[in-house]
Amino acid sequence: MGSILVVDDHVDTNEILCRLLRSLGHRTASAFTGDGALAALASDRPDLVILDMMMPGMDGFEVLRQVRAAPATAKLPVILYSGIAEPDFQACAIQRGANAYWVKGGMDFSRLAEMIAQYV
């Protein structure tokens, strides 16, 4: 399976996602801030990033912008996620460069697994 970086400032959510991904056979790494995500990407290249939208300081859109701007990570698959389920917001995430958008409010892990399978 693949290597996935999970970026979420909520430690519990981050750990739940990492456990789920490991149970599916993936290797995981965690970051809890936007800066932490960029530092992790500078030192290791995962196959996919699962990126929380709402984080203090640097939000998911800014992390995504920087990932897409760097030649080394420009094509790295990124699943952006948030509790915001509005279709316009989801479309905005895709327009800004996310490969997919997952609504975390319902914690539909089967949908997340389907998304991951497209890229890893």
C-alpha atoms as a PDB file:
ATOM      1  CA  MET A   1       0.000   0.000   0.000  1.00  0.00           C
ATOM      2  CA  GLY A   2       0.991   3.647   0.089  1.00  0.00           C
ATOM      3  CA  SER A   3       2.418   6.259   2.376  1.00  0.00           C
ATOM      4  CA  ILE A   4      -0.026   8.939   3.561  1.00  0.00           C
ATOM      5  CA  LEU A   5       0.575  12.181   5.449  1.00  0.00           C
ATOM      6  CA  VAL A   6      -2.399  13.130   7.652  1.00  0.00           C
ATOM      7  CA  VAL A   7      -2.554  16.823   8.545  1.00  0.00           C
ATOM      8  CA  ASP A   8      -5.039  17.810  11.251  1.00  0.00           C
ATOM      9  CA  ASP A   9      -4.601  20.044  14.283  1.00  0.00           C
ATOM     10  CA  HIS A  10      -7.019  17.907  16.322  1.00  0.00           C
ATOM     11  CA  VAL A  11      -4.840  15.165  17.764  1.00  0.00           C
ATOM     12  CA  ASP A  12      -7.742  12.733  18.242  1.00  0.00           C
ATOM     13  CA  THR A  13      -8.968  13.091  14.658  1.00  0.00           C
ATOM     14  CA  ASN A  14      -5.429  12.771  13.348  1.00  0.00           C
ATOM     15  CA  GLU A  15      -4.896   9.561  15.326  1.00  0.00           C
ATOM     16  CA  ILE A  16      -8.255   8.072  14.275  1.00  0.00           C
ATOM     17  CA  LEU A  17      -7.448   8.662  10.608  1.00  0.00           C
ATOM     18  CA  CYS A  18      -3.946   7.234  10.981  1.00  0.00           C
ATOM     19  CA  ARG A  19      -5.278   4.101  12.701  1.00  0.00           C
ATOM     20  CA  LEU A  20      -7.884   3.631   9.992  1.00  0.00           C
ATOM     21  CA  LEU A  21      -5.309   4.050   7.250  1.00  0.00           C
ATOM     22  CA  ARG A  22      -2.885   1.647   8.919  1.00  0.00           C
ATOM     23  CA  SER A  23      -5.702  -0.911   9.237  1.00  0.00           C
ATOM     24  CA  LEU A  24      -6.056  -0.634   5.446  1.00  0.00           C
ATOM     25  CA  GLY A  25      -2.350  -1.372   5.040  1.00  0.00           C
ATOM     26  CA  HIS A  26      -1.007   2.148   4.506  1.00  0.00           C
ATOM     27  CA  ARG A  27       2.008   3.702   6.194  1.00  0.00           C
ATOM     28  CA  THR A  28       1.168   6.989   7.880  1.00  0.00           C
ATOM     29  CA  ALA A  29       2.833  10.130   9.150  1.00  0.00           C
ATOM     30  CA  SER A  30       1.187  12.967  11.036  1.00  0.00           C
ATOM     31  CA  ALA A  31       1.453  16.733  11.048  1.00  0.00           C
ATOM     32  CA  PHE A  32      -0.609  19.002  13.270  1.00  0.00           C
ATOM     33  CA  THR A  33      -0.009  22.403  11.629  1.00  0.00           C
ATOM     34  CA  GLY A  34       0.399  23.778   8.146  1.00  0.00           C
ATOM     35  CA  ASP A  35       4.060  24.499   8.824  1.00  0.00           C
ATOM     36  CA  GLY A  36       4.480  20.967  10.133  1.00  0.00           C
ATOM     37  CA  ALA A  37       2.951  19.584   6.941  1.00  0.00           C
ATOM     38  CA  LEU A  38       5.323  21.563   4.744  1.00  0.00           C
ATOM     39  CA  ALA A  39       8.299  20.484   6.863  1.00  0.00           C
ATOM     40  CA  ALA A  40       7.211  16.840   6.602  1.00  0.00           C
ATOM     41  CA  LEU A  41       6.909  17.163   2.820  1.00  0.00           C
ATOM     42  CA  ALA A  42      10.378  18.669   2.615  1.00  0.00           C
ATOM     43  CA  SER A  43      11.902  15.661   4.359  1.00  0.00           C
ATOM     44  CA  ASP A  44       9.719  12.812   3.071  1.00  0.00           C
ATOM     45  CA  ARG A  45       7.548  12.304   0.021  1.00  0.00           C
ATOM     46  CA  PRO A  46       4.288  10.487   0.796  1.00  0.00           C
ATOM     47  CA  ASP A  47       2.086   9.118  -1.946  1.00  0.00           C
ATOM     48  CA  LEU A  48      -0.878  11.197  -0.735  1.00  0.00           C
ATOM     49  CA  VAL A  49      -1.755  13.977   1.701  1.00  0.00           C
ATOM     50  CA  ILE A  50      -5.031  14.108   3.614  1.00  0.00           C
ATOM     51  CA  LEU A  51      -5.301  17.752   4.652  1.00  0.00           C
ATOM     52  CA  ASP A  52      -7.691  19.388   7.110  1.00  0.00           C
ATOM     53  CA  MET A  53      -9.092  22.692   5.886  1.00  0.00           C
ATOM     54  CA  MET A  54      -9.647  24.429   9.212  1.00  0.00           C
ATOM     55  CA  MET A  55      -6.428  24.817  11.196  1.00  0.00           C
ATOM     56  CA  PRO A  56      -5.114  27.739  13.211  1.00  0.00           C
ATOM     57  CA  GLY A  57      -2.406  29.775  11.559  1.00  0.00           C
ATOM     58  CA  MET A  58      -1.931  28.360   8.085  1.00  0.00           C
ATOM     59  CA  ASP A  59      -5.185  26.839   6.860  1.00  0.00           C
ATOM     60  CA  GLY A  60      -5.561  24.009   4.380  1.00  0.00           C
ATOM     61  CA  PHE A  61      -5.968  26.313   1.375  1.00  0.00           C
ATOM     62  CA  GLU A  62      -2.632  27.982   2.108  1.00  0.00           C
ATOM     63  CA  VAL A  63      -0.877  24.645   2.598  1.00  0.00           C
ATOM     64  CA  LEU A  64      -2.415  23.426  -0.661  1.00  0.00           C
ATOM     65  CA  ARG A  65      -1.296  26.602  -2.462  1.00  0.00           C
ATOM     66  CA  GLN A  66       2.280  26.074  -1.301  1.00  0.00           C
ATOM     67  CA  VAL A  67       2.221  22.371  -2.182  1.00  0.00           C
ATOM     68  CA  ARG A  68       1.032  23.179  -5.712  1.00  0.00           C
ATOM     69  CA  ALA A  69       3.583  26.014  -6.097  1.00  0.00           C
ATOM     70  CA  ALA A  70       6.600  23.821  -5.312  1.00  0.00           C
ATOM     71  CA  PRO A  71       7.846  21.798  -8.299  1.00  0.00           C
ATOM     72  CA  ALA A  72       8.702  18.805  -6.089  1.00  0.00           C
ATOM     73  CA  THR A  73       5.148  18.499  -4.752  1.00  0.00           C
ATOM     74  CA  ALA A  74       3.037  20.151  -7.460  1.00  0.00           C
ATOM     75  CA  LYS A  75       1.540  16.853  -8.634  1.00  0.00           C
ATOM     76  CA  LEU A  76       1.231  15.239  -5.192  1.00  0.00           C
ATOM     77  CA  PRO A  77      -2.361  14.034  -4.657  1.00  0.00           C
ATOM     78  CA  VAL A  78      -4.131  15.984  -1.902  1.00  0.00           C
ATOM     79  CA  ILE A  79      -7.511  15.158  -0.375  1.00  0.00           C
ATOM     80  CA  LEU A  80      -8.757  18.270   1.402  1.00  0.00           C
ATOM     81  CA  TYR A  81     -11.325  17.708   4.122  1.00  0.00           C
ATOM     82  CA  SER A  82     -13.536  19.678   6.443  1.00  0.00           C
ATOM     83  CA  GLY A  83     -16.871  19.583   8.177  1.00  0.00           C
ATOM     84  CA  ILE A  84     -18.217  22.005   5.554  1.00  0.00           C
ATOM     85  CA  ALA A  85     -20.529  20.027   3.303  1.00  0.00           C
ATOM     86  CA  GLU A  86     -21.703  22.838   0.996  1.00  0.00           C
ATOM     87  CA  PRO A  87     -21.209  21.943  -2.693  1.00  0.00           C
ATOM     88  CA  ASP A  88     -19.893  25.442  -3.525  1.00  0.00           C
ATOM     89  CA  PHE A  89     -17.168  25.099  -0.893  1.00  0.00           C
ATOM     90  CA  GLN A  90     -16.241  21.662  -2.185  1.00  0.00           C
ATOM     91  CA  ALA A  91     -16.045  23.018  -5.743  1.00  0.00           C
ATOM     92  CA  CYS A  92     -13.815  25.835  -4.504  1.00  0.00           C
ATOM     93  CA  ALA A  93     -11.435  23.300  -2.941  1.00  0.00           C
ATOM     94  CA  ILE A  94     -11.161  21.448  -6.243  1.00  0.00           C
ATOM     95  CA  GLN A  95     -10.657  24.701  -8.175  1.00  0.00           C
ATOM     96  CA  ARG A  96      -7.824  25.608  -5.813  1.00  0.00           C
ATOM     97  CA  GLY A  97      -6.019  22.381  -6.577  1.00  0.00           C
ATOM     98  CA  ALA A  98      -7.350  19.629  -4.302  1.00  0.00           C
ATOM     99  CA  ASN A  99      -7.706  16.288  -6.045  1.00  0.00           C
ATOM    100  CA  ALA A 100     -10.743  15.425  -3.929  1.00  0.00           C
ATOM    101  CA  TYR A 101     -12.792  16.738  -1.029  1.00  0.00           C
ATOM    102  CA  TRP A 102     -14.034  14.636   1.869  1.00  0.00           C
ATOM    103  CA  VAL A 103     -16.688  15.807   4.344  1.00  0.00           C
ATOM    104  CA  LYS A 104     -15.458  14.665   7.751  1.00  0.00           C
ATOM    105  CA  GLY A 105     -18.654  15.440   9.654  1.00  0.00           C
ATOM    106  CA  GLY A 106     -20.223  12.110   8.802  1.00  0.00           C
ATOM    107  CA  MET A 107     -16.911  10.236   9.058  1.00  0.00           C
ATOM    108  CA  ASP A 108     -17.808   8.191   5.980  1.00  0.00           C
ATOM    109  CA  PHE A 109     -14.603   6.167   5.992  1.00  0.00           C
ATOM    110  CA  SER A 110     -15.700   3.973   3.100  1.00  0.00           C
ATOM    111  CA  ARG A 111     -15.935   7.089   0.903  1.00  0.00           C
ATOM    112  CA  LEU A 112     -12.487   8.204   2.072  1.00  0.00           C
ATOM    113  CA  ALA A 113     -11.072   4.747   1.286  1.00  0.00           C
ATOM    114  CA  GLU A 114     -12.555   4.978  -2.238  1.00  0.00           C
ATOM    115  CA  MET A 115     -10.891   8.366  -2.727  1.00  0.00           C
ATOM    116  CA  ILE A 116      -7.540   7.093  -1.486  1.00  0.00           C
ATOM    117  CA  ALA A 117      -7.714   4.086  -3.812  1.00  0.00           C
ATOM    118  CA  GLN A 118      -7.855   6.463  -6.783  1.00  0.00           C
ATOM    119  CA  TYR A 119      -4.429   7.906  -5.929  1.00  0.00           C
ATOM    120  CA  VAL A 120      -2.478   5.262  -4.003  1.00  0.00           C
END
